Amino acid sequence: MVEQSLYAPVLVITLAALATYASRALGTFLSGKISVESPVIDWITCVTYALLAGLVVRMIALPIGALAETPDWWRFAAAGAGLLVFVLSKRNIGISVLAGALVLVALGTLQI
């Protein structure tokens, strides 16, 4: 009995790795056979963007942890600044995320 419990974590990690690599192998195998222009890929893309947008909105409107300690308007101001920079920078995500983060840090440093 004692020996089996020692191998349980190894078994779980091995099965998880096999499941992960099996799905990646299947994705690699199917990637050449699926058209990028297909409606299925368009649907998957839309669902992915919707999930990401939902998570971002939840993080801004209903944060947890240290972000919950900040005033609501700080988070909305940082998100607005990031969105503004995104539009002005011709959709550069890196610069817009940096701008939003800098606005949040500046507001936290100045304690406005």
PDB file of N, CA and C in Angstrom:
ATOM      1  N   MET A   1       0.807  -1.195   0.000  1.00  0.00           N
ATOM      2  CA  MET A   1       0.000   0.000   0.000  1.00  0.00           C
ATOM      3  C   MET A   1       0.850   1.258   0.000  1.00  0.00           C
ATOM      4  N   VAL A   2       1.896   1.274   0.779  1.00  0.00           N
ATOM      5  CA  VAL A   2       2.734   2.462   0.875  1.00  0.00           C
ATOM      6  C   VAL A   2       3.410   2.737  -0.455  1.00  0.00           C
ATOM      7  N   GLU A   3       3.845   1.688  -1.132  1.00  0.00           N
ATOM      8  CA  GLU A   3       4.531   1.871  -2.417  1.00  0.00           C
ATOM      9  C   GLU A   3       3.597   2.438  -3.474  1.00  0.00           C
ATOM     10  N   GLN A   4       2.334   2.044  -3.480  1.00  0.00           N
ATOM     11  CA  GLN A   4       1.396   2.560  -4.472  1.00  0.00           C
ATOM     12  C   GLN A   4       1.161   4.054  -4.276  1.00  0.00           C
ATOM     13  N   SER A   5       1.087   4.512  -3.053  1.00  0.00           N
ATOM     14  CA  SER A   5       0.849   5.931  -2.811  1.00  0.00           C
ATOM     15  C   SER A   5       2.044   6.774  -3.233  1.00  0.00           C
ATOM     16  N   LEU A   6       3.243   6.195  -3.217  1.00  0.00           N
ATOM     17  CA  LEU A   6       4.418   6.932  -3.679  1.00  0.00           C
ATOM     18  C   LEU A   6       4.380   7.149  -5.186  1.00  0.00           C
ATOM     19  N   TYR A   7       3.755   6.245  -5.927  1.00  0.00           N
ATOM     20  CA  TYR A   7       3.713   6.353  -7.374  1.00  0.00           C
ATOM     21  C   TYR A   7       2.492   7.107  -7.885  1.00  0.00           C
ATOM     22  N   ALA A   8       1.540   7.403  -7.022  1.00  0.00           N
ATOM     23  CA  ALA A   8       0.325   8.096  -7.459  1.00  0.00           C
ATOM     24  C   ALA A   8       0.622   9.457  -8.084  1.00  0.00           C
ATOM     25  N   PRO A   9       1.459  10.316  -7.485  1.00  0.00           N
ATOM     26  CA  PRO A   9       1.752  11.602  -8.129  1.00  0.00           C
ATOM     27  C   PRO A   9       2.454  11.432  -9.474  1.00  0.00           C
ATOM     28  N   VAL A  10       3.327  10.470  -9.565  1.00  0.00           N
ATOM     29  CA  VAL A  10       4.033  10.219 -10.825  1.00  0.00           C
ATOM     30  C   VAL A  10       3.047   9.766 -11.894  1.00  0.00           C
ATOM     31  N   LEU A  11       2.102   8.924 -11.512  1.00  0.00           N
ATOM     32  CA  LEU A  11       1.088   8.452 -12.449  1.00  0.00           C
ATOM     33  C   LEU A  11       0.206   9.598 -12.929  1.00  0.00           C
ATOM     34  N   VAL A  12      -0.217  10.451 -12.013  1.00  0.00           N
ATOM     35  CA  VAL A  12      -1.069  11.583 -12.373  1.00  0.00           C
ATOM     36  C   VAL A  12      -0.326  12.535 -13.308  1.00  0.00           C
ATOM     37  N   ILE A  13       0.908  12.850 -13.000  1.00  0.00           N
ATOM     38  CA  ILE A  13       1.701  13.750 -13.849  1.00  0.00           C
ATOM     39  C   ILE A  13       1.933  13.122 -15.219  1.00  0.00           C
ATOM     40  N   THR A  14       2.206  11.838 -15.252  1.00  0.00           N
ATOM     41  CA  THR A  14       2.418  11.155 -16.528  1.00  0.00           C
ATOM     42  C   THR A  14       1.161  11.171 -17.384  1.00  0.00           C
ATOM     43  N   LEU A  15       0.018  10.879 -16.789  1.00  0.00           N
ATOM     44  CA  LEU A  15      -1.243  10.902 -17.539  1.00  0.00           C
ATOM     45  C   LEU A  15      -1.580  12.315 -18.030  1.00  0.00           C
ATOM     46  N   ALA A  16      -1.326  13.310 -17.189  1.00  0.00           N
ATOM     47  CA  ALA A  16      -1.578  14.696 -17.602  1.00  0.00           C
ATOM     48  C   ALA A  16      -0.667  15.083 -18.756  1.00  0.00           C
ATOM     49  N   ALA A  17       0.592  14.686 -18.704  1.00  0.00           N
ATOM     50  CA  ALA A  17       1.526  14.991 -19.787  1.00  0.00           C
ATOM     51  C   ALA A  17       1.110  14.287 -21.072  1.00  0.00           C
ATOM     52  N   LEU A  18       0.685  13.031 -20.966  1.00  0.00           N
ATOM     53  CA  LEU A  18       0.237  12.302 -22.155  1.00  0.00           C
ATOM     54  C   LEU A  18      -0.993  12.961 -22.779  1.00  0.00           C
ATOM     55  N   ALA A  19      -1.934  13.395 -21.954  1.00  0.00           N
ATOM     56  CA  ALA A  19      -3.124  14.064 -22.478  1.00  0.00           C
ATOM     57  C   ALA A  19      -2.752  15.371 -23.155  1.00  0.00           C
ATOM     58  N   THR A  20      -1.843  16.125 -22.543  1.00  0.00           N
ATOM     59  CA  THR A  20      -1.415  17.399 -23.123  1.00  0.00           C
ATOM     60  C   THR A  20      -0.713  17.189 -24.451  1.00  0.00           C
ATOM     61  N   TYR A  21       0.231  16.273 -24.475  1.00  0.00           N
ATOM     62  CA  TYR A  21       0.991  16.055 -25.698  1.00  0.00           C
ATOM     63  C   TYR A  21       0.163  15.376 -26.778  1.00  0.00           C
ATOM     64  N   ALA A  22      -0.807  14.558 -26.383  1.00  0.00           N
ATOM     65  CA  ALA A  22      -1.678  13.925 -27.377  1.00  0.00           C
ATOM     66  C   ALA A  22      -2.524  14.982 -28.080  1.00  0.00           C
ATOM     67  N   SER A  23      -3.064  15.941 -27.320  1.00  0.00           N
ATOM     68  CA  SER A  23      -3.868  16.984 -27.957  1.00  0.00           C
ATOM     69  C   SER A  23      -3.005  17.880 -28.832  1.00  0.00           C
ATOM     70  N   ARG A  24      -1.779  18.139 -28.422  1.00  0.00           N
ATOM     71  CA  ARG A  24      -0.873  18.939 -29.261  1.00  0.00           C
ATOM     72  C   ARG A  24      -0.502  18.190 -30.532  1.00  0.00           C
ATOM     73  N   ALA A  25      -0.251  16.903 -30.412  1.00  0.00           N
ATOM     74  CA  ALA A  25       0.074  16.102 -31.593  1.00  0.00           C
ATOM     75  C   ALA A  25      -1.102  16.068 -32.555  1.00  0.00           C
ATOM     76  N   LEU A  26      -2.310  15.924 -32.024  1.00  0.00           N
ATOM     77  CA  LEU A  26      -3.501  15.932 -32.864  1.00  0.00           C
ATOM     78  C   LEU A  26      -3.659  17.281 -33.558  1.00  0.00           C
ATOM     79  N   GLY A  27      -3.418  18.365 -32.836  1.00  0.00           N
ATOM     80  CA  GLY A  27      -3.479  19.697 -33.426  1.00  0.00           C
ATOM     81  C   GLY A  27      -2.455  19.875 -34.530  1.00  0.00           C
ATOM     82  N   THR A  28      -1.253  19.375 -34.316  1.00  0.00           N
ATOM     83  CA  THR A  28      -0.215  19.455 -35.337  1.00  0.00           C
ATOM     84  C   THR A  28      -0.601  18.636 -36.565  1.00  0.00           C
ATOM     85  N   PHE A  29      -1.152  17.463 -36.328  1.00  0.00           N
ATOM     86  CA  PHE A  29      -1.555  16.597 -37.434  1.00  0.00           C
ATOM     87  C   PHE A  29      -2.681  17.227 -38.247  1.00  0.00           C
ATOM     88  N   LEU A  30      -3.654  17.838 -37.563  1.00  0.00           N
ATOM     89  CA  LEU A  30      -4.812  18.406 -38.252  1.00  0.00           C
ATOM     90  C   LEU A  30      -4.556  19.800 -38.816  1.00  0.00           C
ATOM     91  N   SER A  31      -3.508  20.469 -38.384  1.00  0.00           N
ATOM     92  CA  SER A  31      -3.296  21.853 -38.799  1.00  0.00           C
ATOM     93  C   SER A  31      -3.130  22.001 -40.307  1.00  0.00           C
ATOM     94  N   GLY A  32      -2.558  21.055 -40.954  1.00  0.00           N
ATOM     95  CA  GLY A  32      -2.387  21.139 -42.391  1.00  0.00           C
ATOM     96  C   GLY A  32      -3.636  20.768 -43.168  1.00  0.00           C
ATOM     97  N   LYS A  33      -4.595  20.167 -42.497  1.00  0.00           N
ATOM     98  CA  LYS A  33      -5.790  19.688 -43.178  1.00  0.00           C
ATOM     99  C   LYS A  33      -7.008  20.602 -43.010  1.00  0.00           C
ATOM    100  N   ILE A  34      -6.917  21.578 -42.103  1.00  0.00           N
ATOM    101  CA  ILE A  34      -8.029  22.487 -41.860  1.00  0.00           C
ATOM    102  C   ILE A  34      -7.748  23.813 -42.546  1.00  0.00           C
ATOM    103  N   SER A  35      -8.726  24.309 -43.268  1.00  0.00           N
ATOM    104  CA  SER A  35      -8.582  25.587 -43.950  1.00  0.00           C
ATOM    105  C   SER A  35      -8.727  26.726 -42.952  1.00  0.00           C
ATOM    106  N   VAL A  36      -7.856  27.706 -43.047  1.00  0.00           N
ATOM    107  CA  VAL A  36      -7.905  28.861 -42.164  1.00  0.00           C
ATOM    108  C   VAL A  36      -9.158  29.687 -42.439  1.00  0.00           C
ATOM    109  N   GLU A  37      -9.700  29.570 -43.626  1.00  0.00           N
ATOM    110  CA  GLU A  37     -10.874  30.333 -44.031  1.00  0.00           C
ATOM    111  C   GLU A  37     -12.192  29.645 -43.644  1.00  0.00           C
ATOM    112  N   SER A  38     -12.142  28.524 -42.966  1.00  0.00           N
ATOM    113  CA  SER A  38     -13.357  27.763 -42.685  1.00  0.00           C
ATOM    114  C   SER A  38     -14.208  28.442 -41.609  1.00  0.00           C
ATOM    115  N   PRO A  39     -15.518  28.226 -41.642  1.00  0.00           N
ATOM    116  CA  PRO A  39     -16.405  28.801 -40.630  1.00  0.00           C
ATOM    117  C   PRO A  39     -16.104  28.288 -39.220  1.00  0.00           C
ATOM    118  N   VAL A  40     -15.594  27.085 -39.115  1.00  0.00           N
ATOM    119  CA  VAL A  40     -15.257  26.527 -37.802  1.00  0.00           C
ATOM    120  C   VAL A  40     -14.132  27.339 -37.169  1.00  0.00           C
ATOM    121  N   ILE A  41     -13.122  27.670 -37.944  1.00  0.00           N
ATOM    122  CA  ILE A  41     -12.004  28.470 -37.433  1.00  0.00           C
ATOM    123  C   ILE A  41     -12.489  29.867 -37.070  1.00  0.00           C
ATOM    124  N   ASP A  42     -13.376  30.447 -37.881  1.00  0.00           N
ATOM    125  CA  ASP A  42     -13.945  31.761 -37.556  1.00  0.00           C
ATOM    126  C   ASP A  42     -14.698  31.706 -36.240  1.00  0.00           C
ATOM    127  N   TRP A  43     -15.479  30.643 -36.017  1.00  0.00           N
ATOM    128  CA  TRP A  43     -16.226  30.493 -34.780  1.00  0.00           C
ATOM    129  C   TRP A  43     -15.283  30.359 -33.589  1.00  0.00           C
ATOM    130  N   ILE A  44     -14.249  29.543 -33.720  1.00  0.00           N
ATOM    131  CA  ILE A  44     -13.273  29.351 -32.639  1.00  0.00           C
ATOM    132  C   ILE A  44     -12.594  30.675 -32.315  1.00  0.00           C
ATOM    133  N   THR A  45     -12.258  31.450 -33.330  1.00  0.00           N
ATOM    134  CA  THR A  45     -11.633  32.753 -33.123  1.00  0.00           C
ATOM    135  C   THR A  45     -12.566  33.686 -32.363  1.00  0.00           C
ATOM    136  N   CYS A  46     -13.835  33.715 -32.754  1.00  0.00           N
ATOM    137  CA  CYS A  46     -14.814  34.569 -32.070  1.00  0.00           C
ATOM    138  C   CYS A  46     -14.991  34.157 -30.617  1.00  0.00           C
ATOM    139  N   VAL A  47     -15.068  32.875 -30.353  1.00  0.00           N
ATOM    140  CA  VAL A  47     -15.220  32.392 -28.978  1.00  0.00           C
ATOM    141  C   VAL A  47     -13.986  32.755 -28.152  1.00  0.00           C
ATOM    142  N   THR A  48     -12.818  32.632 -28.738  1.00  0.00           N
ATOM    143  CA  THR A  48     -11.580  32.972 -28.040  1.00  0.00           C
ATOM    144  C   THR A  48     -11.558  34.443 -27.665  1.00  0.00           C
ATOM    145  N   TYR A  49     -11.891  35.313 -28.608  1.00  0.00           N
ATOM    146  CA  TYR A  49     -11.922  36.748 -28.323  1.00  0.00           C
ATOM    147  C   TYR A  49     -12.979  37.081 -27.276  1.00  0.00           C
ATOM    148  N   ALA A  50     -14.128  36.434 -27.338  1.00  0.00           N
ATOM    149  CA  ALA A  50     -15.189  36.691 -26.367  1.00  0.00           C
ATOM    150  C   ALA A  50     -14.760  36.273 -24.960  1.00  0.00           C
ATOM    151  N   LEU A  51     -14.099  35.134 -24.844  1.00  0.00           N
ATOM    152  CA  LEU A  51     -13.612  34.691 -23.536  1.00  0.00           C
ATOM    153  C   LEU A  51     -12.576  35.655 -22.978  1.00  0.00           C
ATOM    154  N   LEU A  52     -11.660  36.096 -23.822  1.00  0.00           N
ATOM    155  CA  LEU A  52     -10.632  37.036 -23.390  1.00  0.00           C
ATOM    156  C   LEU A  52     -11.258  38.356 -22.962  1.00  0.00           C
ATOM    157  N   ALA A  53     -12.204  38.863 -23.740  1.00  0.00           N
ATOM    158  CA  ALA A  53     -12.873  40.116 -23.393  1.00  0.00           C
ATOM    159  C   ALA A  53     -13.623  39.976 -22.071  1.00  0.00           C
ATOM    160  N   GLY A  54     -14.297  38.860 -21.874  1.00  0.00           N
ATOM    161  CA  GLY A  54     -15.011  38.633 -20.625  1.00  0.00           C
ATOM    162  C   GLY A  54     -14.087  38.604 -19.422  1.00  0.00           C
ATOM    163  N   LEU A  55     -12.934  37.966 -19.574  1.00  0.00           N
ATOM    164  CA  LEU A  55     -11.974  37.909 -18.469  1.00  0.00           C
ATOM    165  C   LEU A  55     -11.394  39.280 -18.157  1.00  0.00           C
ATOM    166  N   VAL A  56     -11.122  40.067 -19.188  1.00  0.00           N
ATOM    167  CA  VAL A  56     -10.577  41.404 -18.968  1.00  0.00           C
ATOM    168  C   VAL A  56     -11.609  42.297 -18.278  1.00  0.00           C
ATOM    169  N   VAL A  57     -12.846  42.247 -18.741  1.00  0.00           N
ATOM    170  CA  VAL A  57     -13.897  43.058 -18.120  1.00  0.00           C
ATOM    171  C   VAL A  57     -14.108  42.641 -16.671  1.00  0.00           C
ATOM    172  N   ARG A  58     -14.086  41.344 -16.404  1.00  0.00           N
ATOM    173  CA  ARG A  58     -14.244  40.887 -15.031  1.00  0.00           C
ATOM    174  C   ARG A  58     -13.083  41.356 -14.163  1.00  0.00           C
ATOM    175  N   MET A  59     -11.884  41.338 -14.704  1.00  0.00           N
ATOM    176  CA  MET A  59     -10.712  41.773 -13.953  1.00  0.00           C
ATOM    177  C   MET A  59     -10.798  43.270 -13.635  1.00  0.00           C
ATOM    178  N   ILE A  60     -11.392  44.058 -14.527  1.00  0.00           N
ATOM    179  CA  ILE A  60     -11.515  45.491 -14.292  1.00  0.00           C
ATOM    180  C   ILE A  60     -12.693  45.791 -13.366  1.00  0.00           C
ATOM    181  N   ALA A  61     -13.832  45.188 -13.615  1.00  0.00           N
ATOM    182  CA  ALA A  61     -15.049  45.514 -12.866  1.00  0.00           C
ATOM    183  C   ALA A  61     -15.148  44.793 -11.522  1.00  0.00           C
ATOM    184  N   LEU A  62     -14.706  43.559 -11.451  1.00  0.00           N
ATOM    185  CA  LEU A  62     -14.806  42.771 -10.221  1.00  0.00           C
ATOM    186  C   LEU A  62     -13.462  42.117  -9.887  1.00  0.00           C
ATOM    187  N   PRO A  63     -12.471  42.917  -9.554  1.00  0.00           N
ATOM    188  CA  PRO A  63     -11.135  42.345  -9.324  1.00  0.00           C
ATOM    189  C   PRO A  63     -11.042  41.597  -7.996  1.00  0.00           C
ATOM    190  N   ILE A  64     -10.001  40.787  -7.895  1.00  0.00           N
ATOM    191  CA  ILE A  64      -9.700  40.113  -6.638  1.00  0.00           C
ATOM    192  C   ILE A  64      -8.250  40.422  -6.286  1.00  0.00           C
ATOM    193  N   GLY A  65      -7.890  40.187  -5.063  1.00  0.00           N
ATOM    194  CA  GLY A  65      -6.512  40.386  -4.642  1.00  0.00           C
ATOM    195  C   GLY A  65      -6.146  41.852  -4.509  1.00  0.00           C
ATOM    196  N   ALA A  66      -4.903  42.179  -4.830  1.00  0.00           N
ATOM    197  CA  ALA A  66      -4.395  43.545  -4.676  1.00  0.00           C
ATOM    198  C   ALA A  66      -5.132  44.532  -5.571  1.00  0.00           C
ATOM    199  N   LEU A  67      -5.575  44.089  -6.722  1.00  0.00           N
ATOM    200  CA  LEU A  67      -6.285  44.985  -7.633  1.00  0.00           C
ATOM    201  C   LEU A  67      -7.624  45.427  -7.045  1.00  0.00           C
ATOM    202  N   ALA A  68      -8.208  44.627  -6.182  1.00  0.00           N
ATOM    203  CA  ALA A  68      -9.474  44.984  -5.536  1.00  0.00           C
ATOM    204  C   ALA A  68      -9.299  46.136  -4.547  1.00  0.00           C
ATOM    205  N   GLU A  69      -8.078  46.369  -4.117  1.00  0.00           N
ATOM    206  CA  GLU A  69      -7.792  47.456  -3.176  1.00  0.00           C
ATOM    207  C   GLU A  69      -7.785  48.818  -3.867  1.00  0.00           C
ATOM    208  N   THR A  70      -7.686  48.849  -5.174  1.00  0.00           N
ATOM    209  CA  THR A  70      -7.632  50.117  -5.901  1.00  0.00           C
ATOM    210  C   THR A  70      -9.045  50.639  -6.145  1.00  0.00           C
ATOM    211  N   PRO A  71      -9.190  51.967  -6.215  1.00  0.00           N
ATOM    212  CA  PRO A  71     -10.503  52.528  -6.537  1.00  0.00           C
ATOM    213  C   PRO A  71     -10.941  52.125  -7.946  1.00  0.00           C
ATOM    214  N   ASP A  72     -12.246  52.024  -8.109  1.00  0.00           N
ATOM    215  CA  ASP A  72     -12.783  51.622  -9.416  1.00  0.00           C
ATOM    216  C   ASP A  72     -12.314  52.549 -10.533  1.00  0.00           C
ATOM    217  N   TRP A  73     -12.335  53.837 -10.269  1.00  0.00           N
ATOM    218  CA  TRP A  73     -12.009  54.765 -11.345  1.00  0.00           C
ATOM    219  C   TRP A  73     -10.563  54.648 -11.793  1.00  0.00           C
ATOM    220  N   TRP A  74      -9.656  54.208 -10.920  1.00  0.00           N
ATOM    221  CA  TRP A  74      -8.270  53.972 -11.340  1.00  0.00           C
ATOM    222  C   TRP A  74      -8.221  52.886 -12.418  1.00  0.00           C
ATOM    223  N   ARG A  75      -8.942  51.787 -12.158  1.00  0.00           N
ATOM    224  CA  ARG A  75      -8.929  50.672 -13.120  1.00  0.00           C
ATOM    225  C   ARG A  75      -9.571  51.077 -14.436  1.00  0.00           C
ATOM    226  N   PHE A  76     -10.699  51.809 -14.345  1.00  0.00           N
ATOM    227  CA  PHE A  76     -11.356  52.246 -15.578  1.00  0.00           C
ATOM    228  C   PHE A  76     -10.516  53.279 -16.324  1.00  0.00           C
ATOM    229  N   ALA A  77      -9.815  54.162 -15.612  1.00  0.00           N
ATOM    230  CA  ALA A  77      -8.931  55.142 -16.253  1.00  0.00           C
ATOM    231  C   ALA A  77      -7.766  54.439 -16.952  1.00  0.00           C
ATOM    232  N   ALA A  78      -7.195  53.437 -16.297  1.00  0.00           N
ATOM    233  CA  ALA A  78      -6.089  52.697 -16.904  1.00  0.00           C
ATOM    234  C   ALA A  78      -6.561  51.941 -18.141  1.00  0.00           C
ATOM    235  N   ALA A  79      -7.743  51.333 -18.061  1.00  0.00           N
ATOM    236  CA  ALA A  79      -8.286  50.615 -19.221  1.00  0.00           C
ATOM    237  C   ALA A  79      -8.598  51.585 -20.355  1.00  0.00           C
ATOM    238  N   GLY A  80      -9.153  52.747 -20.019  1.00  0.00           N
ATOM    239  CA  GLY A  80      -9.439  53.753 -21.037  1.00  0.00           C
ATOM    240  C   GLY A  80      -8.171  54.269 -21.702  1.00  0.00           C
ATOM    241  N   ALA A  81      -7.135  54.501 -20.906  1.00  0.00           N
ATOM    242  CA  ALA A  81      -5.861  54.954 -21.472  1.00  0.00           C
ATOM    243  C   ALA A  81      -5.281  53.884 -22.393  1.00  0.00           C
ATOM    244  N   GLY A  82      -5.353  52.652 -21.971  1.00  0.00           N
ATOM    245  CA  GLY A  82      -4.865  51.562 -22.821  1.00  0.00           C
ATOM    246  C   GLY A  82      -5.637  51.474 -24.126  1.00  0.00           C
ATOM    247  N   LEU A  83      -6.955  51.630 -24.044  1.00  0.00           N
ATOM    248  CA  LEU A  83      -7.786  51.594 -25.250  1.00  0.00           C
ATOM    249  C   LEU A  83      -7.477  52.772 -26.173  1.00  0.00           C
ATOM    250  N   LEU A  84      -7.303  53.950 -25.594  1.00  0.00           N
ATOM    251  CA  LEU A  84      -6.973  55.127 -26.391  1.00  0.00           C
ATOM    252  C   LEU A  84      -5.635  54.955 -27.109  1.00  0.00           C
ATOM    253  N   VAL A  85      -4.637  54.474 -26.396  1.00  0.00           N
ATOM    254  CA  VAL A  85      -3.324  54.248 -27.005  1.00  0.00           C
ATOM    255  C   VAL A  85      -3.414  53.150 -28.068  1.00  0.00           C
ATOM    256  N   PHE A  86      -4.242  52.153 -27.826  1.00  0.00           N
ATOM    257  CA  PHE A  86      -4.439  51.086 -28.822  1.00  0.00           C
ATOM    258  C   PHE A  86      -4.965  51.661 -30.135  1.00  0.00           C
ATOM    259  N   VAL A  87      -5.950  52.543 -30.045  1.00  0.00           N
ATOM    260  CA  VAL A  87      -6.529  53.146 -31.245  1.00  0.00           C
ATOM    261  C   VAL A  87      -5.517  54.081 -31.920  1.00  0.00           C
ATOM    262  N   LEU A  88      -4.836  54.893 -31.110  1.00  0.00           N
ATOM    263  CA  LEU A  88      -3.897  55.875 -31.670  1.00  0.00           C
ATOM    264  C   LEU A  88      -2.626  55.238 -32.230  1.00  0.00           C
ATOM    265  N   SER A  89      -2.248  54.096 -31.697  1.00  0.00           N
ATOM    266  CA  SER A  89      -1.003  53.450 -32.145  1.00  0.00           C
ATOM    267  C   SER A  89      -1.236  52.428 -33.247  1.00  0.00           C
ATOM    268  N   LYS A  90      -2.370  52.517 -33.898  1.00  0.00           N
ATOM    269  CA  LYS A  90      -2.716  51.601 -34.992  1.00  0.00           C
ATOM    270  C   LYS A  90      -2.727  50.152 -34.526  1.00  0.00           C
ATOM    271  N   ARG A  91      -3.387  49.916 -33.387  1.00  0.00           N
ATOM    272  CA  ARG A  91      -3.648  48.579 -32.840  1.00  0.00           C
ATOM    273  C   ARG A  91      -2.401  47.854 -32.332  1.00  0.00           C
ATOM    274  N   ASN A  92      -1.505  48.569 -31.699  1.00  0.00           N
ATOM    275  CA  ASN A  92      -0.315  47.964 -31.107  1.00  0.00           C
ATOM    276  C   ASN A  92      -0.649  47.549 -29.674  1.00  0.00           C
ATOM    277  N   ILE A  93      -0.785  46.257 -29.464  1.00  0.00           N
ATOM    278  CA  ILE A  93      -1.222  45.743 -28.166  1.00  0.00           C
ATOM    279  C   ILE A  93      -0.168  45.975 -27.085  1.00  0.00           C
ATOM    280  N   GLY A  94       1.086  45.777 -27.421  1.00  0.00           N
ATOM    281  CA  GLY A  94       2.151  45.930 -26.424  1.00  0.00           C
ATOM    282  C   GLY A  94       2.217  47.326 -25.846  1.00  0.00           C
ATOM    283  N   ILE A  95       2.181  48.313 -26.711  1.00  0.00           N
ATOM    284  CA  ILE A  95       2.250  49.700 -26.252  1.00  0.00           C
ATOM    285  C   ILE A  95       1.002  50.065 -25.453  1.00  0.00           C
ATOM    286  N   SER A  96      -0.163  49.572 -25.875  1.00  0.00           N
ATOM    287  CA  SER A  96      -1.394  49.917 -25.157  1.00  0.00           C
ATOM    288  C   SER A  96      -1.446  49.260 -23.781  1.00  0.00           C
ATOM    289  N   VAL A  97      -0.980  48.042 -23.649  1.00  0.00           N
ATOM    290  CA  VAL A  97      -0.928  47.393 -22.334  1.00  0.00           C
ATOM    291  C   VAL A  97       0.055  48.137 -21.428  1.00  0.00           C
ATOM    292  N   LEU A  98       1.186  48.529 -21.989  1.00  0.00           N
ATOM    293  CA  LEU A  98       2.174  49.293 -21.221  1.00  0.00           C
ATOM    294  C   LEU A  98       1.585  50.622 -20.765  1.00  0.00           C
ATOM    295  N   ALA A  99       0.857  51.303 -21.635  1.00  0.00           N
ATOM    296  CA  ALA A  99       0.242  52.589 -21.276  1.00  0.00           C
ATOM    297  C   ALA A  99      -0.762  52.412 -20.150  1.00  0.00           C
ATOM    298  N   GLY A 100      -1.612  51.407 -20.240  1.00  0.00           N
ATOM    299  CA  GLY A 100      -2.584  51.162 -19.181  1.00  0.00           C
ATOM    300  C   GLY A 100      -1.908  50.849 -17.854  1.00  0.00           C
ATOM    301  N   ALA A 101      -0.865  50.033 -17.907  1.00  0.00           N
ATOM    302  CA  ALA A 101      -0.136  49.686 -16.684  1.00  0.00           C
ATOM    303  C   ALA A 101       0.541  50.914 -16.086  1.00  0.00           C
ATOM    304  N   LEU A 102       1.116  51.744 -16.938  1.00  0.00           N
ATOM    305  CA  LEU A 102       1.777  52.951 -16.438  1.00  0.00           C
ATOM    306  C   LEU A 102       0.789  53.926 -15.812  1.00  0.00           C
ATOM    307  N   VAL A 103      -0.395  54.042 -16.391  1.00  0.00           N
ATOM    308  CA  VAL A 103      -1.421  54.905 -15.797  1.00  0.00           C
ATOM    309  C   VAL A 103      -1.819  54.368 -14.430  1.00  0.00           C
ATOM    310  N   LEU A 104      -1.999  53.068 -14.301  1.00  0.00           N
ATOM    311  CA  LEU A 104      -2.372  52.475 -13.011  1.00  0.00           C
ATOM    312  C   LEU A 104      -1.263  52.675 -11.979  1.00  0.00           C
ATOM    313  N   VAL A 105      -0.021  52.505 -12.389  1.00  0.00           N
ATOM    314  CA  VAL A 105       1.117  52.718 -11.478  1.00  0.00           C
ATOM    315  C   VAL A 105       1.209  54.183 -11.085  1.00  0.00           C
ATOM    316  N   ALA A 106       1.024  55.074 -12.047  1.00  0.00           N
ATOM    317  CA  ALA A 106       1.090  56.507 -11.744  1.00  0.00           C
ATOM    318  C   ALA A 106      -0.004  56.919 -10.757  1.00  0.00           C
ATOM    319  N   LEU A 107      -1.208  56.428 -10.971  1.00  0.00           N
ATOM    320  CA  LEU A 107      -2.297  56.754 -10.046  1.00  0.00           C
ATOM    321  C   LEU A 107      -2.018  56.193  -8.651  1.00  0.00           C
ATOM    322  N   GLY A 108      -1.440  55.014  -8.594  1.00  0.00           N
ATOM    323  CA  GLY A 108      -1.114  54.427  -7.308  1.00  0.00           C
ATOM    324  C   GLY A 108       0.023  55.157  -6.609  1.00  0.00           C
ATOM    325  N   THR A 109       0.973  55.630  -7.396  1.00  0.00           N
ATOM    326  CA  THR A 109       2.107  56.355  -6.811  1.00  0.00           C
ATOM    327  C   THR A 109       1.677  57.739  -6.328  1.00  0.00           C
ATOM    328  N   LEU A 110       0.850  58.421  -7.111  1.00  0.00           N
ATOM    329  CA  LEU A 110       0.412  59.766  -6.753  1.00  0.00           C
ATOM    330  C   LEU A 110      -0.690  59.764  -5.705  1.00  0.00           C
ATOM    331  N   GLN A 111      -1.374  58.617  -5.530  1.00  0.00           N
ATOM    332  CA  GLN A 111      -2.484  58.478  -4.579  1.00  0.00           C
ATOM    333  C   GLN A 111      -3.537  59.561  -4.804  1.00  0.00           C
ATOM    334  N   ILE A 112      -3.934  59.732  -6.039  1.00  0.00           N
ATOM    335  CA  ILE A 112      -4.938  60.746  -6.382  1.00  0.00           C
ATOM    336  C   ILE A 112      -6.307  60.270  -5.933  1.00  0.00           C
TER     337      ILE A 112
END
